[in-house]
Amino acid sequence: METPKIELLYFTGKTCGVCKVLKPKLLEAVQENFPKVDIRVVDVEEEIEFTGQSMVFTLPVVILKADDKEMYRFARSFSVYEVLDKLKRLSGE
Protein backbone atom coordinates (compact mmCIF):
# COMPACT_ATOMS: atom_id res chain seq x y z
CA MET A 1 0.00 0.00 0.00
CA GLU A 2 1.38 3.34 -1.02
CA THR A 3 1.79 6.00 1.64
CA PRO A 4 -0.60 8.91 1.04
CA LYS A 5 0.71 12.40 0.36
CA ILE A 6 0.10 14.10 3.69
CA GLU A 7 -0.30 17.85 4.05
CA LEU A 8 -0.68 19.94 7.18
CA LEU A 9 -2.43 23.29 6.81
CA TYR A 10 -1.89 25.70 9.68
CA PHE A 11 -4.29 28.66 9.65
CA THR A 12 -2.97 31.59 11.62
CA GLY A 13 -3.34 35.34 11.96
CA LYS A 14 -1.31 38.26 13.25
CA THR A 15 -3.67 38.83 16.18
CA CYS A 16 -3.84 35.19 17.29
CA GLY A 17 -2.04 34.82 20.62
CA VAL A 18 -2.42 31.04 20.80
CA CYS A 19 -0.89 30.75 17.31
CA LYS A 20 2.28 32.56 18.41
CA VAL A 21 2.82 29.99 21.17
CA LEU A 22 1.60 26.85 19.42
CA LYS A 23 2.89 27.33 15.88
CA PRO A 24 6.66 27.02 16.48
CA LYS A 25 6.20 24.03 18.80
CA LEU A 26 3.85 22.21 16.45
CA LEU A 27 5.78 22.87 13.24
CA GLU A 28 9.06 21.83 14.84
CA ALA A 29 7.55 18.61 16.20
CA VAL A 30 5.99 17.75 12.83
CA GLN A 31 9.21 18.41 10.90
CA GLU A 32 11.17 16.34 13.40
CA ASN A 33 8.80 13.34 13.50
CA PHE A 34 7.25 13.44 10.03
CA PRO A 35 9.77 15.00 7.62
CA LYS A 36 7.73 13.91 4.56
CA VAL A 37 4.65 15.90 5.58
CA ASP A 38 4.12 19.06 3.53
CA ILE A 39 3.46 22.02 5.79
CA ARG A 40 1.57 25.07 4.58
CA VAL A 41 1.10 28.04 6.87
CA VAL A 42 -1.92 30.09 5.82
CA ASP A 43 -2.23 33.70 6.98
CA VAL A 44 -6.00 34.20 7.11
CA GLU A 45 -5.67 37.94 6.51
CA GLU A 46 -3.66 37.41 3.32
CA GLU A 47 -5.49 34.35 1.96
CA ILE A 48 -9.10 35.33 2.67
CA GLU A 49 -10.63 33.34 -0.21
CA PHE A 50 -8.74 30.11 0.58
CA THR A 51 -9.60 30.50 4.28
CA GLY A 52 -13.30 30.79 3.39
CA GLN A 53 -13.16 27.82 1.03
CA SER A 54 -11.56 25.83 3.85
CA MET A 55 -14.43 26.79 6.19
CA VAL A 56 -12.08 28.30 8.77
CA PHE A 57 -13.88 30.68 11.14
CA THR A 58 -11.68 30.58 14.24
CA LEU A 59 -7.96 30.43 15.01
CA PRO A 60 -5.78 28.53 15.15
CA VAL A 61 -6.95 25.74 12.87
CA VAL A 62 -4.90 22.79 11.70
CA ILE A 63 -6.20 20.62 8.89
CA LEU A 64 -4.56 17.32 8.04
CA LYS A 65 -5.08 16.10 4.49
CA ALA A 66 -4.17 12.79 2.89
CA ASP A 67 -4.08 12.85 -0.91
CA ASP A 68 -5.89 16.24 -0.89
CA LYS A 69 -8.78 14.91 1.20
CA GLU A 70 -9.41 16.42 4.64
CA MET A 71 -8.97 13.72 7.26
CA TYR A 72 -8.71 15.62 10.54
CA ARG A 73 -9.39 19.16 11.73
CA PHE A 74 -8.27 20.76 14.96
CA ALA A 75 -9.67 24.12 16.02
CA ARG A 76 -9.00 26.62 18.79
CA SER A 77 -7.74 24.42 21.65
CA PHE A 78 -5.73 21.32 20.85
CA SER A 79 -2.32 19.96 21.73
CA VAL A 80 0.76 19.21 19.67
CA TYR A 81 0.41 15.62 20.84
CA GLU A 82 -3.11 15.28 19.37
CA VAL A 83 -1.91 16.44 15.95
CA LEU A 84 1.14 14.14 16.05
CA ASP A 85 -1.09 11.21 17.04
CA LYS A 86 -3.32 11.70 13.98
CA LEU A 87 -0.29 12.17 11.71
CA LYS A 88 1.03 8.89 13.01
CA ARG A 89 -2.23 7.17 12.02
CA LEU A 90 -2.29 8.78 8.58
CA SER A 91 1.31 7.92 7.78
CA GLY A 92 0.88 4.38 9.04
CA GLU A 93 3.92 4.62 11.31
PDB file of N, CA and C in Angstrom:
ATOM      1  N   MET A   1       0.840  -1.197   0.000  1.00  0.00           N
ATOM      2  CA  MET A   1       0.000   0.000   0.000  1.00  0.00           C
ATOM      3  C   MET A   1       0.876   1.248   0.000  1.00  0.00           C
ATOM      4  N   GLU A   2       0.582   2.134  -0.907  1.00  0.00           N
ATOM      5  CA  GLU A   2       1.383   3.344  -1.022  1.00  0.00           C
ATOM      6  C   GLU A   2       1.011   4.344   0.074  1.00  0.00           C
ATOM      7  N   THR A   3       2.031   4.997   0.606  1.00  0.00           N
ATOM      8  CA  THR A   3       1.787   5.999   1.644  1.00  0.00           C
ATOM      9  C   THR A   3       1.124   7.218   1.008  1.00  0.00           C
ATOM     10  N   PRO A   4       0.060   7.733   1.624  1.00  0.00           N
ATOM     11  CA  PRO A   4      -0.598   8.911   1.041  1.00  0.00           C
ATOM     12  C   PRO A   4       0.276  10.153   1.157  1.00  0.00           C
ATOM     13  N   LYS A   5       0.020  11.107   0.271  1.00  0.00           N
ATOM     14  CA  LYS A   5       0.707  12.403   0.356  1.00  0.00           C
ATOM     15  C   LYS A   5      -0.008  13.168   1.473  1.00  0.00           C
ATOM     16  N   ILE A   6       0.713  13.448   2.531  1.00  0.00           N
ATOM     17  CA  ILE A   6       0.097  14.098   3.693  1.00  0.00           C
ATOM     18  C   ILE A   6       0.492  15.572   3.733  1.00  0.00           C
ATOM     19  N   GLU A   7      -0.515  16.400   3.978  1.00  0.00           N
ATOM     20  CA  GLU A   7      -0.298  17.846   4.052  1.00  0.00           C
ATOM     21  C   GLU A   7      -0.900  18.372   5.351  1.00  0.00           C
ATOM     22  N   LEU A   8      -0.182  19.276   5.982  1.00  0.00           N
ATOM     23  CA  LEU A   8      -0.680  19.937   7.185  1.00  0.00           C
ATOM     24  C   LEU A   8      -0.886  21.404   6.841  1.00  0.00           C
ATOM     25  N   LEU A   9      -2.116  21.872   7.027  1.00  0.00           N
ATOM     26  CA  LEU A   9      -2.425  23.290   6.809  1.00  0.00           C
ATOM     27  C   LEU A   9      -2.582  23.938   8.176  1.00  0.00           C
ATOM     28  N   TYR A  10      -1.816  24.984   8.409  1.00  0.00           N
ATOM     29  CA  TYR A  10      -1.888  25.696   9.683  1.00  0.00           C
ATOM     30  C   TYR A  10      -2.434  27.091   9.406  1.00  0.00           C
ATOM     31  N   PHE A  11      -3.657  27.347   9.852  1.00  0.00           N
ATOM     32  CA  PHE A  11      -4.287  28.655   9.650  1.00  0.00           C
ATOM     33  C   PHE A  11      -3.980  29.540  10.843  1.00  0.00           C
ATOM     34  N   THR A  12      -3.407  30.700  10.559  1.00  0.00           N
ATOM     35  CA  THR A  12      -2.971  31.595  11.622  1.00  0.00           C
ATOM     36  C   THR A  12      -3.263  33.042  11.244  1.00  0.00           C
ATOM     37  N   GLY A  13      -3.143  33.923  12.213  1.00  0.00           N
ATOM     38  CA  GLY A  13      -3.343  35.344  11.959  1.00  0.00           C
ATOM     39  C   GLY A  13      -2.446  36.160  12.873  1.00  0.00           C
ATOM     40  N   LYS A  14      -2.217  37.387  12.481  1.00  0.00           N
ATOM     41  CA  LYS A  14      -1.305  38.256  13.245  1.00  0.00           C
ATOM     42  C   LYS A  14      -1.796  38.524  14.663  1.00  0.00           C
ATOM     43  N   THR A  15      -3.111  38.497  14.867  1.00  0.00           N
ATOM     44  CA  THR A  15      -3.666  38.831  16.183  1.00  0.00           C
ATOM     45  C   THR A  15      -3.940  37.599  17.051  1.00  0.00           C
ATOM     46  N   CYS A  16      -3.552  36.429  16.573  1.00  0.00           N
ATOM     47  CA  CYS A  16      -3.838  35.185  17.295  1.00  0.00           C
ATOM     48  C   CYS A  16      -2.726  34.878  18.295  1.00  0.00           C
ATOM     49  N   GLY A  17      -3.026  35.069  19.569  1.00  0.00           N
ATOM     50  CA  GLY A  17      -2.044  34.823  20.623  1.00  0.00           C
ATOM     51  C   GLY A  17      -1.663  33.358  20.765  1.00  0.00           C
ATOM     52  N   VAL A  18      -2.662  32.489  20.683  1.00  0.00           N
ATOM     53  CA  VAL A  18      -2.424  31.044  20.796  1.00  0.00           C
ATOM     54  C   VAL A  18      -1.481  30.586  19.678  1.00  0.00           C
ATOM     55  N   CYS A  19      -1.706  31.131  18.477  1.00  0.00           N
ATOM     56  CA  CYS A  19      -0.890  30.755  17.315  1.00  0.00           C
ATOM     57  C   CYS A  19       0.594  31.017  17.571  1.00  0.00           C
ATOM     58  N   LYS A  20       0.879  32.170  18.161  1.00  0.00           N
ATOM     59  CA  LYS A  20       2.276  32.558  18.406  1.00  0.00           C
ATOM     60  C   LYS A  20       2.985  31.545  19.301  1.00  0.00           C
ATOM     61  N   VAL A  21       2.252  30.968  20.242  1.00  0.00           N
ATOM     62  CA  VAL A  21       2.825  29.990  21.166  1.00  0.00           C
ATOM     63  C   VAL A  21       2.863  28.593  20.537  1.00  0.00           C
ATOM     64  N   LEU A  22       1.751  28.220  19.923  1.00  0.00           N
ATOM     65  CA  LEU A  22       1.596  26.853  19.421  1.00  0.00           C
ATOM     66  C   LEU A  22       2.364  26.587  18.125  1.00  0.00           C
ATOM     67  N   LYS A  23       2.332  27.556  17.213  1.00  0.00           N
ATOM     68  CA  LYS A  23       2.886  27.326  15.876  1.00  0.00           C
ATOM     69  C   LYS A  23       4.328  26.826  15.879  1.00  0.00           C
ATOM     70  N   PRO A  24       5.268  27.518  16.540  1.00  0.00           N
ATOM     71  CA  PRO A  24       6.657  27.016  16.479  1.00  0.00           C
ATOM     72  C   PRO A  24       6.812  25.616  17.074  1.00  0.00           C
ATOM     73  N   LYS A  25       6.116  25.349  18.165  1.00  0.00           N
ATOM     74  CA  LYS A  25       6.202  24.027  18.804  1.00  0.00           C
ATOM     75  C   LYS A  25       5.666  22.949  17.875  1.00  0.00           C
ATOM     76  N   LEU A  26       4.496  23.203  17.311  1.00  0.00           N
ATOM     77  CA  LEU A  26       3.849  22.215  16.455  1.00  0.00           C
ATOM     78  C   LEU A  26       4.664  21.958  15.192  1.00  0.00           C
ATOM     79  N   LEU A  27       5.062  23.033  14.513  1.00  0.00           N
ATOM     80  CA  LEU A  27       5.781  22.866  13.242  1.00  0.00           C
ATOM     81  C   LEU A  27       7.114  22.159  13.460  1.00  0.00           C
ATOM     82  N   GLU A  28       7.788  22.484  14.539  1.00  0.00           N
ATOM     83  CA  GLU A  28       9.064  21.830  14.838  1.00  0.00           C
ATOM     84  C   GLU A  28       8.852  20.335  15.098  1.00  0.00           C
ATOM     85  N   ALA A  29       7.829  20.012  15.870  1.00  0.00           N
ATOM     86  CA  ALA A  29       7.547  18.609  16.196  1.00  0.00           C
ATOM     87  C   ALA A  29       7.174  17.815  14.946  1.00  0.00           C
ATOM     88  N   VAL A  30       6.399  18.432  14.055  1.00  0.00           N
ATOM     89  CA  VAL A  30       5.987  17.749  12.830  1.00  0.00           C
ATOM     90  C   VAL A  30       7.200  17.513  11.931  1.00  0.00           C
ATOM     91  N   GLN A  31       8.032  18.545  11.758  1.00  0.00           N
ATOM     92  CA  GLN A  31       9.214  18.408  10.904  1.00  0.00           C
ATOM     93  C   GLN A  31      10.167  17.342  11.448  1.00  0.00           C
ATOM     94  N   GLU A  32      10.271  17.290  12.756  1.00  0.00           N
ATOM     95  CA  GLU A  32      11.172  16.338  13.402  1.00  0.00           C
ATOM     96  C   GLU A  32      10.670  14.897  13.252  1.00  0.00           C
ATOM     97  N   ASN A  33       9.368  14.684  13.485  1.00  0.00           N
ATOM     98  CA  ASN A  33       8.804  13.335  13.505  1.00  0.00           C
ATOM     99  C   ASN A  33       8.269  12.855  12.160  1.00  0.00           C
ATOM    100  N   PHE A  34       7.848  13.800  11.328  1.00  0.00           N
ATOM    101  CA  PHE A  34       7.249  13.439  10.034  1.00  0.00           C
ATOM    102  C   PHE A  34       7.831  14.327   8.932  1.00  0.00           C
ATOM    103  N   PRO A  35       9.098  14.107   8.580  1.00  0.00           N
ATOM    104  CA  PRO A  35       9.767  14.996   7.617  1.00  0.00           C
ATOM    105  C   PRO A  35       9.137  15.000   6.221  1.00  0.00           C
ATOM    106  N   LYS A  36       8.337  13.964   5.902  1.00  0.00           N
ATOM    107  CA  LYS A  36       7.732  13.906   4.562  1.00  0.00           C
ATOM    108  C   LYS A  36       6.431  14.709   4.467  1.00  0.00           C
ATOM    109  N   VAL A  37       5.907  15.152   5.594  1.00  0.00           N
ATOM    110  CA  VAL A  37       4.645  15.899   5.584  1.00  0.00           C
ATOM    111  C   VAL A  37       4.883  17.309   5.040  1.00  0.00           C
ATOM    112  N   ASP A  38       4.054  17.693   4.071  1.00  0.00           N
ATOM    113  CA  ASP A  38       4.118  19.055   3.529  1.00  0.00           C
ATOM    114  C   ASP A  38       3.394  19.983   4.489  1.00  0.00           C
ATOM    115  N   ILE A  39       4.063  21.070   4.866  1.00  0.00           N
ATOM    116  CA  ILE A  39       3.459  22.024   5.790  1.00  0.00           C
ATOM    117  C   ILE A  39       3.163  23.313   5.026  1.00  0.00           C
ATOM    118  N   ARG A  40       1.939  23.778   5.175  1.00  0.00           N
ATOM    119  CA  ARG A  40       1.569  25.068   4.576  1.00  0.00           C
ATOM    120  C   ARG A  40       0.980  25.947   5.671  1.00  0.00           C
ATOM    121  N   VAL A  41       1.610  27.086   5.892  1.00  0.00           N
ATOM    122  CA  VAL A  41       1.102  28.044   6.873  1.00  0.00           C
ATOM    123  C   VAL A  41       0.263  29.060   6.103  1.00  0.00           C
ATOM    124  N   VAL A  42      -0.991  29.196   6.516  1.00  0.00           N
ATOM    125  CA  VAL A  42      -1.923  30.086   5.823  1.00  0.00           C
ATOM    126  C   VAL A  42      -2.234  31.275   6.728  1.00  0.00           C
ATOM    127  N   ASP A  43      -1.880  32.473   6.261  1.00  0.00           N
ATOM    128  CA  ASP A  43      -2.230  33.695   6.980  1.00  0.00           C
ATOM    129  C   ASP A  43      -3.642  34.077   6.533  1.00  0.00           C
ATOM    130  N   VAL A  44      -4.591  33.997   7.470  1.00  0.00           N
ATOM    131  CA  VAL A  44      -6.000  34.197   7.108  1.00  0.00           C
ATOM    132  C   VAL A  44      -6.276  35.607   6.582  1.00  0.00           C
ATOM    133  N   GLU A  45      -5.455  36.568   6.976  1.00  0.00           N
ATOM    134  CA  GLU A  45      -5.671  37.935   6.510  1.00  0.00           C
ATOM    135  C   GLU A  45      -5.168  38.120   5.074  1.00  0.00           C
ATOM    136  N   GLU A  46      -4.215  37.296   4.667  1.00  0.00           N
ATOM    137  CA  GLU A  46      -3.664  37.406   3.315  1.00  0.00           C
ATOM    138  C   GLU A  46      -4.346  36.457   2.333  1.00  0.00           C
ATOM    139  N   GLU A  47      -4.859  35.334   2.843  1.00  0.00           N
ATOM    140  CA  GLU A  47      -5.493  34.349   1.961  1.00  0.00           C
ATOM    141  C   GLU A  47      -6.960  34.175   2.345  1.00  0.00           C
ATOM    142  N   ILE A  48      -7.700  35.283   2.232  1.00  0.00           N
ATOM    143  CA  ILE A  48      -9.096  35.332   2.671  1.00  0.00           C
ATOM    144  C   ILE A  48      -9.962  34.309   1.926  1.00  0.00           C
ATOM    145  N   GLU A  49      -9.790  34.244   0.602  1.00  0.00           N
ATOM    146  CA  GLU A  49     -10.625  33.342  -0.207  1.00  0.00           C
ATOM    147  C   GLU A  49     -10.371  31.878   0.155  1.00  0.00           C
ATOM    148  N   PHE A  50      -9.092  31.493   0.248  1.00  0.00           N
ATOM    149  CA  PHE A  50      -8.743  30.107   0.584  1.00  0.00           C
ATOM    150  C   PHE A  50      -9.237  29.755   1.994  1.00  0.00           C
ATOM    151  N   THR A  51      -9.127  30.715   2.912  1.00  0.00           N
ATOM    152  CA  THR A  51      -9.600  30.503   4.278  1.00  0.00           C
ATOM    153  C   THR A  51     -11.102  30.221   4.276  1.00  0.00           C
ATOM    154  N   GLY A  52     -11.849  30.985   3.496  1.00  0.00           N
ATOM    155  CA  GLY A  52     -13.295  30.786   3.388  1.00  0.00           C
ATOM    156  C   GLY A  52     -13.643  29.449   2.766  1.00  0.00           C
ATOM    157  N   GLN A  53     -12.926  29.103   1.691  1.00  0.00           N
ATOM    158  CA  GLN A  53     -13.160  27.816   1.029  1.00  0.00           C
ATOM    159  C   GLN A  53     -12.871  26.657   1.983  1.00  0.00           C
ATOM    160  N   SER A  54     -11.943  26.877   2.898  1.00  0.00           N
ATOM    161  CA  SER A  54     -11.562  25.828   3.853  1.00  0.00           C
ATOM    162  C   SER A  54     -12.474  25.811   5.077  1.00  0.00           C
ATOM    163  N   MET A  55     -13.461  26.708   5.080  1.00  0.00           N
ATOM    164  CA  MET A  55     -14.428  26.792   6.186  1.00  0.00           C
ATOM    165  C   MET A  55     -13.739  27.037   7.530  1.00  0.00           C
ATOM    166  N   VAL A  56     -12.795  27.965   7.537  1.00  0.00           N
ATOM    167  CA  VAL A  56     -12.082  28.303   8.767  1.00  0.00           C
ATOM    168  C   VAL A  56     -12.669  29.600   9.320  1.00  0.00           C
ATOM    169  N   PHE A  57     -13.218  29.510  10.543  1.00  0.00           N
ATOM    170  CA  PHE A  57     -13.880  30.682  11.138  1.00  0.00           C
ATOM    171  C   PHE A  57     -13.315  31.040  12.501  1.00  0.00           C
ATOM    172  N   THR A  58     -12.297  30.325  12.948  1.00  0.00           N
ATOM    173  CA  THR A  58     -11.682  30.585  14.236  1.00  0.00           C
ATOM    174  C   THR A  58     -10.191  30.303  14.091  1.00  0.00           C
ATOM    175  N   LEU A  59      -9.403  30.687  15.064  1.00  0.00           N
ATOM    176  CA  LEU A  59      -7.962  30.431  15.007  1.00  0.00           C
ATOM    177  C   LEU A  59      -7.465  29.887  16.329  1.00  0.00           C
ATOM    178  N   PRO A  60      -6.393  29.132  16.336  1.00  0.00           N
ATOM    179  CA  PRO A  60      -5.782  28.533  15.153  1.00  0.00           C
ATOM    180  C   PRO A  60      -6.584  27.320  14.683  1.00  0.00           C
ATOM    181  N   VAL A  61      -6.365  26.962  13.422  1.00  0.00           N
ATOM    182  CA  VAL A  61      -6.954  25.744  12.871  1.00  0.00           C
ATOM    183  C   VAL A  61      -5.855  24.968  12.166  1.00  0.00           C
ATOM    184  N   VAL A  62      -5.822  23.673  12.415  1.00  0.00           N
ATOM    185  CA  VAL A  62      -4.902  22.790  11.705  1.00  0.00           C
ATOM    186  C   VAL A  62      -5.747  21.760  10.977  1.00  0.00           C
ATOM    187  N   ILE A  63      -5.498  21.625   9.688  1.00  0.00           N
ATOM    188  CA  ILE A  63      -6.195  20.620   8.891  1.00  0.00           C
ATOM    189  C   ILE A  63      -5.155  19.635   8.366  1.00  0.00           C
ATOM    190  N   LEU A  64      -5.431  18.359   8.573  1.00  0.00           N
ATOM    191  CA  LEU A  64      -4.556  17.319   8.037  1.00  0.00           C
ATOM    192  C   LEU A  64      -5.249  16.701   6.833  1.00  0.00           C
ATOM    193  N   LYS A  65      -4.527  16.670   5.714  1.00  0.00           N
ATOM    194  CA  LYS A  65      -5.079  16.104   4.490  1.00  0.00           C
ATOM    195  C   LYS A  65      -4.218  14.930   4.054  1.00  0.00           C
ATOM    196  N   ALA A  66      -4.877  13.914   3.508  1.00  0.00           N
ATOM    197  CA  ALA A  66      -4.170  12.793   2.887  1.00  0.00           C
ATOM    198  C   ALA A  66      -4.665  12.730   1.449  1.00  0.00           C
ATOM    199  N   ASP A  67      -3.734  12.835   0.513  1.00  0.00           N
ATOM    200  CA  ASP A  67      -4.081  12.855  -0.913  1.00  0.00           C
ATOM    201  C   ASP A  67      -5.171  13.886  -1.205  1.00  0.00           C
ATOM    202  N   ASP A  68      -4.992  15.093  -0.682  1.00  0.00           N
ATOM    203  CA  ASP A  68      -5.894  16.241  -0.894  1.00  0.00           C
ATOM    204  C   ASP A  68      -7.281  16.087  -0.290  1.00  0.00           C
ATOM    205  N   LYS A  69      -7.476  15.092   0.553  1.00  0.00           N
ATOM    206  CA  LYS A  69      -8.775  14.906   1.199  1.00  0.00           C
ATOM    207  C   LYS A  69      -8.617  15.217   2.689  1.00  0.00           C
ATOM    208  N   GLU A  70      -9.501  16.077   3.215  1.00  0.00           N
ATOM    209  CA  GLU A  70      -9.411  16.415   4.636  1.00  0.00           C
ATOM    210  C   GLU A  70      -9.723  15.187   5.482  1.00  0.00           C
ATOM    211  N   MET A  71      -8.796  14.878   6.397  1.00  0.00           N
ATOM    212  CA  MET A  71      -8.971  13.715   7.258  1.00  0.00           C
ATOM    213  C   MET A  71      -9.259  14.126   8.703  1.00  0.00           C
ATOM    214  N   TYR A  72      -8.557  15.159   9.161  1.00  0.00           N
ATOM    215  CA  TYR A  72      -8.714  15.621  10.542  1.00  0.00           C
ATOM    216  C   TYR A  72      -8.660  17.136  10.571  1.00  0.00           C
ATOM    217  N   ARG A  73      -9.396  17.706  11.533  1.00  0.00           N
ATOM    218  CA  ARG A  73      -9.389  19.158  11.725  1.00  0.00           C
ATOM    219  C   ARG A  73      -9.319  19.439  13.218  1.00  0.00           C
ATOM    220  N   PHE A  74      -8.416  20.329  13.567  1.00  0.00           N
ATOM    221  CA  PHE A  74      -8.267  20.761  14.964  1.00  0.00           C
ATOM    222  C   PHE A  74      -8.537  22.252  14.992  1.00  0.00           C
ATOM    223  N   ALA A  75      -9.346  22.697  15.947  1.00  0.00           N
ATOM    224  CA  ALA A  75      -9.666  24.119  16.016  1.00  0.00           C
ATOM    225  C   ALA A  75      -9.565  24.639  17.441  1.00  0.00           C
ATOM    226  N   ARG A  76      -9.086  25.856  17.559  1.00  0.00           N
ATOM    227  CA  ARG A  76      -8.998  26.621  18.792  1.00  0.00           C
ATOM    228  C   ARG A  76      -8.114  25.994  19.865  1.00  0.00           C
ATOM    229  N   SER A  77      -8.599  24.973  20.588  1.00  0.00           N
ATOM    230  CA  SER A  77      -7.739  24.418  21.647  1.00  0.00           C
ATOM    231  C   SER A  77      -7.446  22.946  21.383  1.00  0.00           C
ATOM    232  N   PHE A  78      -6.192  22.680  21.100  1.00  0.00           N
ATOM    233  CA  PHE A  78      -5.731  21.316  20.851  1.00  0.00           C
ATOM    234  C   PHE A  78      -4.245  21.279  21.183  1.00  0.00           C
ATOM    235  N   SER A  79      -3.727  20.081  21.347  1.00  0.00           N
ATOM    236  CA  SER A  79      -2.320  19.963  21.731  1.00  0.00           C
ATOM    237  C   SER A  79      -1.486  19.457  20.557  1.00  0.00           C
ATOM    238  N   VAL A  80      -0.192  19.713  20.661  1.00  0.00           N
ATOM    239  CA  VAL A  80       0.757  19.211  19.675  1.00  0.00           C
ATOM    240  C   VAL A  80       0.643  17.692  19.608  1.00  0.00           C
ATOM    241  N   TYR A  81       0.495  17.071  20.777  1.00  0.00           N
ATOM    242  CA  TYR A  81       0.407  15.616  20.843  1.00  0.00           C
ATOM    243  C   TYR A  81      -0.769  15.078  20.028  1.00  0.00           C
ATOM    244  N   GLU A  82      -1.926  15.740  20.108  1.00  0.00           N
ATOM    245  CA  GLU A  82      -3.107  15.281  19.368  1.00  0.00           C
ATOM    246  C   GLU A  82      -2.848  15.269  17.861  1.00  0.00           C
ATOM    247  N   VAL A  83      -2.203  16.331  17.387  1.00  0.00           N
ATOM    248  CA  VAL A  83      -1.911  16.436  15.953  1.00  0.00           C
ATOM    249  C   VAL A  83      -0.910  15.351  15.552  1.00  0.00           C
ATOM    250  N   LEU A  84       0.139  15.161  16.354  1.00  0.00           N
ATOM    251  CA  LEU A  84       1.145  14.143  16.047  1.00  0.00           C
ATOM    252  C   LEU A  84       0.519  12.743  16.033  1.00  0.00           C
ATOM    253  N   ASP A  85      -0.417  12.508  16.953  1.00  0.00           N
ATOM    254  CA  ASP A  85      -1.088  11.210  17.044  1.00  0.00           C
ATOM    255  C   ASP A  85      -1.843  10.917  15.737  1.00  0.00           C
ATOM    256  N   LYS A  86      -2.553  11.903  15.219  1.00  0.00           N
ATOM    257  CA  LYS A  86      -3.319  11.701  13.982  1.00  0.00           C
ATOM    258  C   LYS A  86      -2.372  11.552  12.781  1.00  0.00           C
ATOM    259  N   LEU A  87      -1.268  12.298  12.788  1.00  0.00           N
ATOM    260  CA  LEU A  87      -0.290  12.166  11.708  1.00  0.00           C
ATOM    261  C   LEU A  87       0.289  10.754  11.690  1.00  0.00           C
ATOM    262  N   LYS A  88       0.502  10.233  12.881  1.00  0.00           N
ATOM    263  CA  LYS A  88       1.032   8.885  13.008  1.00  0.00           C
ATOM    264  C   LYS A  88       0.074   7.878  12.363  1.00  0.00           C
ATOM    265  N   ARG A  89      -1.216   8.053  12.611  1.00  0.00           N
ATOM    266  CA  ARG A  89      -2.227   7.171  12.019  1.00  0.00           C
ATOM    267  C   ARG A  89      -2.254   7.298  10.497  1.00  0.00           C
ATOM    268  N   LEU A  90      -2.221   8.545  10.025  1.00  0.00           N
ATOM    269  CA  LEU A  90      -2.291   8.776   8.583  1.00  0.00           C
ATOM    270  C   LEU A  90      -1.078   8.200   7.852  1.00  0.00           C
ATOM    271  N   SER A  91       0.085   8.357   8.459  1.00  0.00           N
ATOM    272  CA  SER A  91       1.308   7.917   7.776  1.00  0.00           C
ATOM    273  C   SER A  91       1.564   6.420   7.976  1.00  0.00           C
ATOM    274  N   GLY A  92       0.756   5.803   8.819  1.00  0.00           N
ATOM    275  CA  GLY A  92       0.879   4.378   9.039  1.00  0.00           C
ATOM    276  C   GLY A  92       2.142   3.968   9.780  1.00  0.00           C
ATOM    277  N   GLU A  93       2.680   4.911  10.560  1.00  0.00           N
ATOM    278  CA  GLU A  93       3.917   4.615  11.314  1.00  0.00           C
ATOM    279  C   GLU A  93       3.609   3.995  12.658  1.00  0.00           C
TER     280      GLU A  93
END
